């Protein structure tokens, strides 16, 4: 087994070469998938912020994953545009 991979594997994974290489590949794939999800979430958060002058963006996270983005926009009325 490659010594550079060994530190990243758990004790149970290190016992079997077939199992450890599969586990490492699975972890790498999950990591890449997580990276793509993170980039997608950041793009959506950026989209919610884009053009927002007054308001808030609330990000809801469950189990380390963004599951909801709320955008609340406030419109400020000037004194001239308010009804008397």
C-alpha atoms as a PDB file:
ATOM      1  CA  UNK A   1       0.000   0.000   0.000  1.00  0.00           C
ATOM      2  CA  UNK A   2       1.227   3.493  -0.787  1.00  0.00           C
ATOM      3  CA  UNK A   3       2.680   5.096   2.362  1.00  0.00           C
ATOM      4  CA  UNK A   4       1.212   8.500   1.469  1.00  0.00           C
ATOM      5  CA  UNK A   5      -2.292   7.046   1.554  1.00  0.00           C
ATOM      6  CA  UNK A   6      -1.819   5.109   4.801  1.00  0.00           C
ATOM      7  CA  UNK A   7      -2.219   8.071   7.233  1.00  0.00           C
ATOM      8  CA  UNK A   8      -5.633   8.898   5.753  1.00  0.00           C
ATOM      9  CA  UNK A   9      -7.082   5.451   6.355  1.00  0.00           C
ATOM     10  CA  UNK A  10      -8.591   4.166   9.580  1.00  0.00           C
ATOM     11  CA  UNK A  11      -7.157   1.085  11.366  1.00  0.00           C
ATOM     12  CA  UNK A  12      -9.895  -1.201  10.045  1.00  0.00           C
ATOM     13  CA  UNK A  13      -9.332   0.017   6.483  1.00  0.00           C
ATOM     14  CA  UNK A  14      -5.577  -0.555   6.668  1.00  0.00           C
ATOM     15  CA  UNK A  15      -6.081  -4.306   7.324  1.00  0.00           C
ATOM     16  CA  UNK A  16      -7.309  -5.077   3.824  1.00  0.00           C
ATOM     17  CA  UNK A  17      -5.717  -3.607   0.690  1.00  0.00           C
ATOM     18  CA  UNK A  18      -8.884  -4.125  -1.384  1.00  0.00           C
ATOM     19  CA  UNK A  19     -11.073  -2.570   1.256  1.00  0.00           C
ATOM     20  CA  UNK A  20      -8.695   0.313   1.999  1.00  0.00           C
ATOM     21  CA  UNK A  21      -8.296   1.380  -1.625  1.00  0.00           C
ATOM     22  CA  UNK A  22     -12.077   1.225  -2.116  1.00  0.00           C
ATOM     23  CA  UNK A  23     -12.621   3.229   1.062  1.00  0.00           C
ATOM     24  CA  UNK A  24     -10.061   5.824  -0.020  1.00  0.00           C
ATOM     25  CA  UNK A  25     -11.729   6.140  -3.441  1.00  0.00           C
ATOM     26  CA  UNK A  26     -15.155   6.459  -1.800  1.00  0.00           C
ATOM     27  CA  UNK A  27     -13.860   9.173   0.547  1.00  0.00           C
ATOM     28  CA  UNK A  28     -12.231  11.003  -2.365  1.00  0.00           C
ATOM     29  CA  UNK A  29     -15.452  10.817  -4.415  1.00  0.00           C
ATOM     30  CA  UNK A  30     -17.495  12.021  -1.431  1.00  0.00           C
ATOM     31  CA  UNK A  31     -15.013  14.853  -0.909  1.00  0.00           C
ATOM     32  CA  UNK A  32     -15.269  15.920  -4.554  1.00  0.00           C
ATOM     33  CA  UNK A  33     -19.068  15.723  -4.381  1.00  0.00           C
ATOM     34  CA  UNK A  34     -19.039  17.825  -1.187  1.00  0.00           C
ATOM     35  CA  UNK A  35     -16.794  20.382  -2.901  1.00  0.00           C
ATOM     36  CA  UNK A  36     -19.257  20.651  -5.793  1.00  0.00           C
ATOM     37  CA  UNK A  37     -22.194  21.036  -3.383  1.00  0.00           C
ATOM     38  CA  UNK A  38     -20.307  23.742  -1.490  1.00  0.00           C
ATOM     39  CA  UNK A  39     -19.538  25.673  -4.682  1.00  0.00           C
ATOM     40  CA  UNK A  40     -23.162  25.397  -5.783  1.00  0.00           C
ATOM     41  CA  UNK A  41     -24.374  26.626  -2.387  1.00  0.00           C
ATOM     42  CA  UNK A  42     -21.956  29.561  -2.447  1.00  0.00           C
ATOM     43  CA  UNK A  43     -23.129  30.515  -5.938  1.00  0.00           C
ATOM     44  CA  UNK A  44     -26.752  30.472  -4.780  1.00  0.00           C
ATOM     45  CA  UNK A  45     -25.918  32.540  -1.683  1.00  0.00           C
ATOM     46  CA  UNK A  46     -24.077  35.020  -3.921  1.00  0.00           C
ATOM     47  CA  UNK A  47     -27.161  35.168  -6.144  1.00  0.00           C
ATOM     48  CA  UNK A  48     -29.344  35.940  -3.122  1.00  0.00           C
ATOM     49  CA  UNK A  49     -26.985  38.763  -2.119  1.00  0.00           C
ATOM     50  CA  UNK A  50     -26.725  40.200  -5.623  1.00  0.00           C
ATOM     51  CA  UNK A  51     -28.704  43.424  -5.924  1.00  0.00           C
ATOM     52  CA  UNK A  52     -29.774  43.420  -2.269  1.00  0.00           C
ATOM     53  CA  UNK A  53     -29.664  46.977  -0.888  1.00  0.00           C
ATOM     54  CA  UNK A  54     -31.552  46.527   2.393  1.00  0.00           C
ATOM     55  CA  UNK A  55     -32.439  43.181   3.919  1.00  0.00           C
ATOM     56  CA  UNK A  56     -30.936  39.883   4.937  1.00  0.00           C
ATOM     57  CA  UNK A  57     -29.935  36.476   3.642  1.00  0.00           C
ATOM     58  CA  UNK A  58     -30.430  33.564   6.037  1.00  0.00           C
ATOM     59  CA  UNK A  59     -28.676  30.244   5.328  1.00  0.00           C
ATOM     60  CA  UNK A  60     -30.103  27.085   6.923  1.00  0.00           C
ATOM     61  CA  UNK A  61     -27.632  24.206   7.356  1.00  0.00           C
ATOM     62  CA  UNK A  62     -28.460  20.643   8.429  1.00  0.00           C
ATOM     63  CA  UNK A  63     -25.773  17.994   8.914  1.00  0.00           C
ATOM     64  CA  UNK A  64     -23.196  20.267   7.299  1.00  0.00           C
ATOM     65  CA  UNK A  65     -25.261  20.763   4.129  1.00  0.00           C
ATOM     66  CA  UNK A  66     -27.027  23.967   3.043  1.00  0.00           C
ATOM     67  CA  UNK A  67     -30.696  23.027   2.763  1.00  0.00           C
ATOM     68  CA  UNK A  68     -32.386  26.434   2.517  1.00  0.00           C
ATOM     69  CA  UNK A  69     -31.579  30.030   1.649  1.00  0.00           C
ATOM     70  CA  UNK A  70     -34.030  32.773   2.663  1.00  0.00           C
ATOM     71  CA  UNK A  71     -33.796  36.269   1.216  1.00  0.00           C
ATOM     72  CA  UNK A  72     -35.718  39.091   2.847  1.00  0.00           C
ATOM     73  CA  UNK A  73     -35.623  42.385   1.007  1.00  0.00           C
ATOM     74  CA  UNK A  74     -36.760  45.652   2.519  1.00  0.00           C
ATOM     75  CA  UNK A  75     -37.821  48.615   0.467  1.00  0.00           C
ATOM     76  CA  UNK A  76     -37.048  51.942   2.106  1.00  0.00           C
ATOM     77  CA  UNK A  77     -39.503  54.681   1.304  1.00  0.00           C
ATOM     78  CA  UNK A  78     -38.317  58.241   1.228  1.00  0.00           C
ATOM     79  CA  UNK A  79     -40.365  60.917   3.017  1.00  0.00           C
ATOM     80  CA  UNK A  80     -41.451  62.332  -0.346  1.00  0.00           C
ATOM     81  CA  UNK A  81     -42.964  59.047  -1.511  1.00  0.00           C
ATOM     82  CA  UNK A  82     -44.985  58.338   1.684  1.00  0.00           C
ATOM     83  CA  UNK A  83     -48.704  59.142   1.666  1.00  0.00           C
ATOM     84  CA  UNK A  84     -49.718  62.096   3.869  1.00  0.00           C
END
